[in-house]
N, C-alpha and C. Protein backbone atom coordinates (compact mmCIF):
# COMPACT_ATOMS: atom_id res chain seq x y z
N MET A 1 19.31 3.26 -3.60
CA MET A 1 19.74 2.29 -2.63
C MET A 1 18.55 1.47 -2.16
N GLU A 2 18.77 0.23 -1.93
CA GLU A 2 17.72 -0.65 -1.40
C GLU A 2 17.82 -0.71 0.12
N ILE A 3 16.67 -0.60 0.75
CA ILE A 3 16.59 -0.70 2.20
C ILE A 3 15.81 -1.97 2.53
N ARG A 4 16.42 -2.82 3.33
CA ARG A 4 15.80 -4.08 3.75
C ARG A 4 15.86 -4.19 5.26
N PHE A 5 14.95 -4.98 5.80
CA PHE A 5 14.95 -5.29 7.23
C PHE A 5 15.01 -6.80 7.39
N ARG A 6 15.79 -7.23 8.38
CA ARG A 6 15.88 -8.65 8.74
C ARG A 6 15.44 -8.78 10.19
N ASN A 7 14.49 -9.67 10.41
CA ASN A 7 13.97 -9.90 11.76
C ASN A 7 14.76 -11.04 12.40
N ASN A 8 15.65 -10.69 13.30
CA ASN A 8 16.47 -11.68 14.00
C ASN A 8 15.89 -12.03 15.37
N THR A 9 14.60 -11.80 15.56
CA THR A 9 13.95 -12.14 16.83
C THR A 9 13.11 -13.39 16.65
N ALA A 10 12.58 -13.89 17.76
CA ALA A 10 11.73 -15.08 17.72
C ALA A 10 10.25 -14.72 17.55
N SER A 11 9.94 -13.42 17.42
CA SER A 11 8.56 -12.96 17.28
C SER A 11 8.37 -12.23 15.95
N THR A 12 7.13 -12.13 15.50
CA THR A 12 6.82 -11.38 14.28
C THR A 12 7.03 -9.89 14.54
N ALA A 13 7.68 -9.22 13.58
CA ALA A 13 7.96 -7.78 13.69
C ALA A 13 7.16 -7.01 12.65
N SER A 14 6.76 -5.80 13.01
CA SER A 14 6.10 -4.87 12.09
C SER A 14 6.97 -3.63 11.98
N VAL A 15 7.19 -3.15 10.76
CA VAL A 15 8.11 -2.05 10.50
C VAL A 15 7.40 -0.93 9.75
N ALA A 16 7.67 0.31 10.18
CA ALA A 16 7.21 1.52 9.48
C ALA A 16 8.45 2.38 9.22
N VAL A 17 8.45 3.13 8.11
CA VAL A 17 9.60 3.95 7.76
C VAL A 17 9.21 5.39 7.48
N MET A 18 10.19 6.27 7.63
CA MET A 18 10.07 7.68 7.26
C MET A 18 11.26 7.95 6.33
N PHE A 19 10.99 8.55 5.16
CA PHE A 19 12.02 8.72 4.14
C PHE A 19 11.87 10.07 3.46
N TYR A 20 12.98 10.63 3.02
CA TYR A 20 12.98 11.94 2.37
C TYR A 20 12.24 11.84 1.04
N SER A 21 11.23 12.69 0.87
CA SER A 21 10.38 12.65 -0.31
C SER A 21 9.93 14.06 -0.69
N PRO A 22 10.88 14.91 -1.15
CA PRO A 22 10.52 16.31 -1.42
C PRO A 22 9.51 16.48 -2.55
N ASP A 23 9.45 15.54 -3.47
CA ASP A 23 8.47 15.63 -4.55
C ASP A 23 7.08 15.24 -4.08
N GLY A 24 6.97 14.11 -3.40
CA GLY A 24 5.67 13.62 -2.96
C GLY A 24 5.11 14.31 -1.74
N CYS A 25 5.98 14.90 -0.91
CA CYS A 25 5.51 15.52 0.34
C CYS A 25 6.01 16.96 0.47
N ALA A 26 6.10 17.66 -0.64
CA ALA A 26 6.67 19.02 -0.66
C ALA A 26 6.02 19.95 0.35
N HIS A 27 4.72 19.90 0.48
CA HIS A 27 4.01 20.83 1.36
C HIS A 27 3.60 20.19 2.69
N ASP A 28 4.05 18.97 2.91
CA ASP A 28 3.62 18.23 4.10
C ASP A 28 4.79 17.67 4.89
N GLY A 29 5.89 18.43 4.95
CA GLY A 29 7.00 18.04 5.79
C GLY A 29 8.20 17.46 5.07
N GLN A 30 8.12 17.27 3.76
CA GLN A 30 9.23 16.78 2.92
C GLN A 30 9.61 15.32 3.16
N TRP A 31 8.97 14.66 4.13
CA TRP A 31 9.29 13.26 4.43
C TRP A 31 8.03 12.41 4.29
N GLY A 32 8.18 11.28 3.60
CA GLY A 32 7.08 10.32 3.47
C GLY A 32 7.09 9.34 4.63
N THR A 33 5.96 8.73 4.88
CA THR A 33 5.84 7.70 5.90
C THR A 33 5.08 6.51 5.31
N ARG A 34 5.55 5.31 5.63
CA ARG A 34 4.89 4.09 5.13
C ARG A 34 4.97 2.99 6.17
N GLY A 35 3.98 2.16 6.17
CA GLY A 35 3.98 0.99 7.03
C GLY A 35 2.82 0.10 6.61
N TRP A 36 2.67 -0.98 6.95
CA TRP A 36 3.50 -1.83 7.75
C TRP A 36 4.06 -2.96 6.91
N TRP A 37 5.27 -3.35 7.20
CA TRP A 37 5.82 -4.58 6.66
C TRP A 37 5.85 -5.55 7.82
N VAL A 38 5.21 -6.67 7.66
CA VAL A 38 5.15 -7.68 8.72
C VAL A 38 6.16 -8.76 8.35
N ILE A 39 7.13 -8.97 9.25
CA ILE A 39 8.25 -9.86 8.96
C ILE A 39 8.32 -10.95 10.02
N GLY A 40 8.18 -12.18 9.60
CA GLY A 40 8.24 -13.30 10.52
C GLY A 40 9.65 -13.51 11.06
N PRO A 41 9.78 -14.30 12.12
CA PRO A 41 11.09 -14.59 12.69
C PRO A 41 12.05 -15.13 11.63
N GLY A 42 13.23 -14.54 11.54
CA GLY A 42 14.23 -14.96 10.56
C GLY A 42 13.98 -14.44 9.16
N GLY A 43 12.89 -13.72 8.95
CA GLY A 43 12.53 -13.24 7.62
C GLY A 43 13.17 -11.91 7.27
N THR A 44 13.11 -11.59 5.97
CA THR A 44 13.65 -10.34 5.45
C THR A 44 12.60 -9.70 4.55
N ALA A 45 12.56 -8.36 4.56
CA ALA A 45 11.63 -7.63 3.69
C ALA A 45 12.33 -6.43 3.06
N HIS A 46 12.09 -6.24 1.76
CA HIS A 46 12.54 -5.04 1.06
C HIS A 46 11.47 -3.99 1.28
N VAL A 47 11.83 -2.83 1.88
CA VAL A 47 10.82 -1.84 2.22
C VAL A 47 10.92 -0.55 1.44
N LEU A 48 12.06 -0.26 0.83
CA LEU A 48 12.21 1.06 0.23
C LEU A 48 13.39 1.11 -0.71
N ASN A 49 13.25 1.87 -1.77
CA ASN A 49 14.38 2.32 -2.60
C ASN A 49 14.46 3.82 -2.41
N THR A 50 15.65 4.32 -2.14
CA THR A 50 15.81 5.75 -1.90
C THR A 50 17.15 6.23 -2.44
N GLY A 51 17.19 7.48 -2.83
CA GLY A 51 18.43 8.11 -3.25
C GLY A 51 19.02 8.95 -2.13
N ASN A 52 18.31 9.04 -1.01
CA ASN A 52 18.78 9.83 0.13
C ASN A 52 19.60 8.96 1.08
N ARG A 53 20.59 9.55 1.66
CA ARG A 53 21.50 8.84 2.55
C ARG A 53 20.82 8.40 3.85
N TYR A 54 19.81 9.12 4.29
CA TYR A 54 19.18 8.86 5.57
C TYR A 54 17.74 8.38 5.41
N PHE A 55 17.32 7.54 6.32
CA PHE A 55 15.92 7.20 6.48
C PHE A 55 15.72 6.88 7.96
N CYS A 56 14.49 6.78 8.37
CA CYS A 56 14.18 6.49 9.77
C CYS A 56 13.18 5.34 9.84
N PHE A 57 13.16 4.66 10.99
CA PHE A 57 12.22 3.55 11.13
C PHE A 57 11.73 3.41 12.56
N TYR A 58 10.58 2.80 12.65
CA TYR A 58 9.98 2.36 13.91
C TYR A 58 9.61 0.91 13.70
N ALA A 59 9.87 0.06 14.70
CA ALA A 59 9.50 -1.35 14.60
C ALA A 59 9.04 -1.84 15.96
N GLU A 60 8.18 -2.83 15.91
CA GLU A 60 7.71 -3.47 17.14
C GLU A 60 7.45 -4.94 16.85
N THR A 61 7.61 -5.77 17.89
CA THR A 61 7.33 -7.20 17.74
C THR A 61 6.07 -7.55 18.51
N THR A 62 5.54 -8.71 18.20
CA THR A 62 4.31 -9.16 18.86
C THR A 62 4.53 -9.43 20.34
N ASP A 63 5.78 -9.59 20.78
CA ASP A 63 6.03 -9.80 22.21
C ASP A 63 6.38 -8.50 22.95
N GLY A 64 6.29 -7.35 22.24
CA GLY A 64 6.45 -6.06 22.90
C GLY A 64 7.79 -5.37 22.75
N THR A 65 8.74 -5.93 22.04
CA THR A 65 10.01 -5.25 21.79
C THR A 65 9.77 -4.11 20.82
N VAL A 66 10.34 -2.93 21.10
CA VAL A 66 10.13 -1.75 20.28
C VAL A 66 11.46 -1.11 19.92
N TRP A 67 11.59 -0.68 18.66
CA TRP A 67 12.71 0.12 18.19
C TRP A 67 12.13 1.48 17.83
N ALA A 68 12.44 2.50 18.60
CA ALA A 68 11.93 3.85 18.39
C ALA A 68 13.07 4.83 18.61
N GLY A 69 12.83 6.10 18.33
CA GLY A 69 13.87 7.09 18.51
C GLY A 69 13.32 8.49 18.57
N GLU A 70 14.19 9.45 18.32
CA GLU A 70 13.86 10.86 18.52
C GLU A 70 13.41 11.58 17.25
N PHE A 71 13.37 10.90 16.11
CA PHE A 71 13.03 11.57 14.86
C PHE A 71 11.55 11.38 14.55
N GLY A 72 10.95 12.40 13.96
CA GLY A 72 9.53 12.43 13.67
C GLY A 72 8.87 13.39 14.64
N PRO A 73 7.82 12.95 15.29
CA PRO A 73 7.19 11.64 15.25
C PRO A 73 6.34 11.45 14.00
N ILE A 74 6.00 10.19 13.75
CA ILE A 74 5.13 9.87 12.62
C ILE A 74 3.81 9.33 13.15
N TYR A 75 2.75 9.57 12.38
CA TYR A 75 1.45 8.98 12.68
C TYR A 75 1.47 7.53 12.21
N ILE A 76 0.93 6.64 13.04
CA ILE A 76 0.80 5.24 12.64
C ILE A 76 -0.67 4.84 12.66
N TYR A 77 -0.97 3.80 11.90
CA TYR A 77 -2.34 3.35 11.70
C TYR A 77 -2.42 1.85 11.91
N ALA A 78 -3.61 1.35 12.17
CA ALA A 78 -3.79 -0.09 12.40
C ALA A 78 -3.49 -0.90 11.14
N GLY A 79 -3.79 -0.34 9.97
CA GLY A 79 -3.54 -1.03 8.71
C GLY A 79 -2.41 -0.37 7.94
N ALA A 80 -2.21 -0.82 6.73
CA ALA A 80 -1.16 -0.27 5.87
C ALA A 80 -1.39 1.23 5.64
N PHE A 81 -0.30 2.00 5.54
CA PHE A 81 -0.41 3.43 5.28
C PHE A 81 0.73 3.92 4.41
N ASP A 82 0.47 5.00 3.68
CA ASP A 82 1.44 5.66 2.80
C ASP A 82 1.07 7.13 2.84
N SER A 83 1.83 7.93 3.59
CA SER A 83 1.45 9.31 3.85
C SER A 83 2.67 10.22 3.88
N CYS A 84 2.51 11.39 4.48
CA CYS A 84 3.59 12.35 4.66
C CYS A 84 3.69 12.72 6.13
N LEU A 85 4.85 13.18 6.52
CA LEU A 85 5.14 13.48 7.92
C LEU A 85 4.09 14.36 8.59
N LEU A 86 3.64 15.41 7.92
CA LEU A 86 2.73 16.36 8.55
C LEU A 86 1.26 16.09 8.29
N ILE A 87 0.96 14.95 7.70
CA ILE A 87 -0.45 14.61 7.46
C ILE A 87 -0.88 13.62 8.52
N GLY A 88 -1.81 14.03 9.35
CA GLY A 88 -2.38 13.15 10.35
C GLY A 88 -3.84 12.89 10.03
N SER A 89 -4.44 12.02 10.77
CA SER A 89 -5.83 11.67 10.53
C SER A 89 -6.43 11.18 11.83
N THR A 90 -7.73 11.32 11.96
CA THR A 90 -8.39 10.78 13.14
C THR A 90 -8.33 9.26 13.13
N ALA A 91 -7.97 8.65 12.00
CA ALA A 91 -7.82 7.20 11.92
C ALA A 91 -6.50 6.72 12.53
N ALA A 92 -5.57 7.64 12.79
CA ALA A 92 -4.28 7.25 13.37
C ALA A 92 -4.49 6.63 14.75
N ILE A 93 -3.70 5.61 15.06
CA ILE A 93 -3.78 4.99 16.38
C ILE A 93 -2.73 5.57 17.34
N GLY A 94 -1.89 6.46 16.81
CA GLY A 94 -0.89 7.09 17.67
C GLY A 94 0.21 7.75 16.85
N LYS A 95 1.17 8.31 17.58
CA LYS A 95 2.37 8.89 16.99
C LYS A 95 3.56 8.25 17.67
N VAL A 96 4.60 7.96 16.88
CA VAL A 96 5.80 7.32 17.42
C VAL A 96 7.05 8.02 16.90
N GLY A 97 8.10 7.99 17.69
CA GLY A 97 9.40 8.48 17.26
C GLY A 97 10.12 7.39 16.49
N THR A 98 11.04 7.79 15.64
CA THR A 98 11.76 6.83 14.80
C THR A 98 13.26 6.95 15.00
N ARG A 99 13.98 5.89 14.64
CA ARG A 99 15.44 5.88 14.67
C ARG A 99 15.98 6.24 13.30
N ARG A 100 17.01 7.07 13.25
CA ARG A 100 17.63 7.44 11.98
C ARG A 100 18.73 6.45 11.63
N VAL A 101 18.79 6.12 10.34
CA VAL A 101 19.84 5.24 9.81
C VAL A 101 20.59 6.00 8.74
N ASP A 102 21.91 5.97 8.80
CA ASP A 102 22.78 6.56 7.79
C ASP A 102 23.27 5.43 6.90
N THR A 103 22.80 5.40 5.66
CA THR A 103 23.18 4.33 4.73
C THR A 103 24.57 4.54 4.14
N ARG A 104 25.09 5.76 4.28
CA ARG A 104 26.37 6.15 3.67
C ARG A 104 26.36 5.91 2.16
N GLY A 105 25.14 5.94 1.60
CA GLY A 105 25.00 5.79 0.15
C GLY A 105 25.03 4.36 -0.34
N ASN A 106 24.87 3.38 0.57
CA ASN A 106 24.94 1.97 0.20
C ASN A 106 23.61 1.27 0.44
N ASP A 107 23.39 0.15 -0.27
CA ASP A 107 22.26 -0.71 0.08
C ASP A 107 22.41 -1.07 1.55
N THR A 108 21.29 -1.16 2.25
CA THR A 108 21.36 -1.35 3.71
C THR A 108 20.37 -2.39 4.16
N ILE A 109 20.83 -3.26 5.08
CA ILE A 109 19.96 -4.18 5.78
C ILE A 109 19.97 -3.79 7.25
N VAL A 110 18.80 -3.49 7.78
CA VAL A 110 18.66 -3.20 9.21
C VAL A 110 18.32 -4.50 9.90
N ASN A 111 19.17 -4.90 10.82
CA ASN A 111 18.93 -6.12 11.59
C ASN A 111 18.19 -5.79 12.86
N LEU A 112 17.01 -6.36 13.01
CA LEU A 112 16.24 -6.19 14.24
C LEU A 112 16.67 -7.27 15.21
N ASN A 113 17.45 -6.88 16.20
CA ASN A 113 17.97 -7.79 17.23
C ASN A 113 17.50 -7.32 18.59
N ARG A 114 17.38 -8.21 19.50
CA ARG A 114 17.03 -7.82 20.88
C ARG A 114 18.25 -7.37 21.59
């Protein structure tokens, strides 16, 4: 399934995801983490292909709007990252909770709306 994000806000959005990855993260929490996709106002980005029904995301805009949740938390970094749930680093700028999305097995577009 393809996972895409659409930024329906007037500000630039940055998106990070957490996705089931038992092969790549077998000993580090079974979930992969990736970021950042920077999406301008009205823009769309393809962020992930997955065979799992669920994934999670964290997003924030340059004007301070945040989409977070109770899943994770994941380590985030100032630059691009590709890691696993249980791998942290002193380079991390923080940890954030993520929102879970149920794709129901379909391609999914997450609309970032205020």
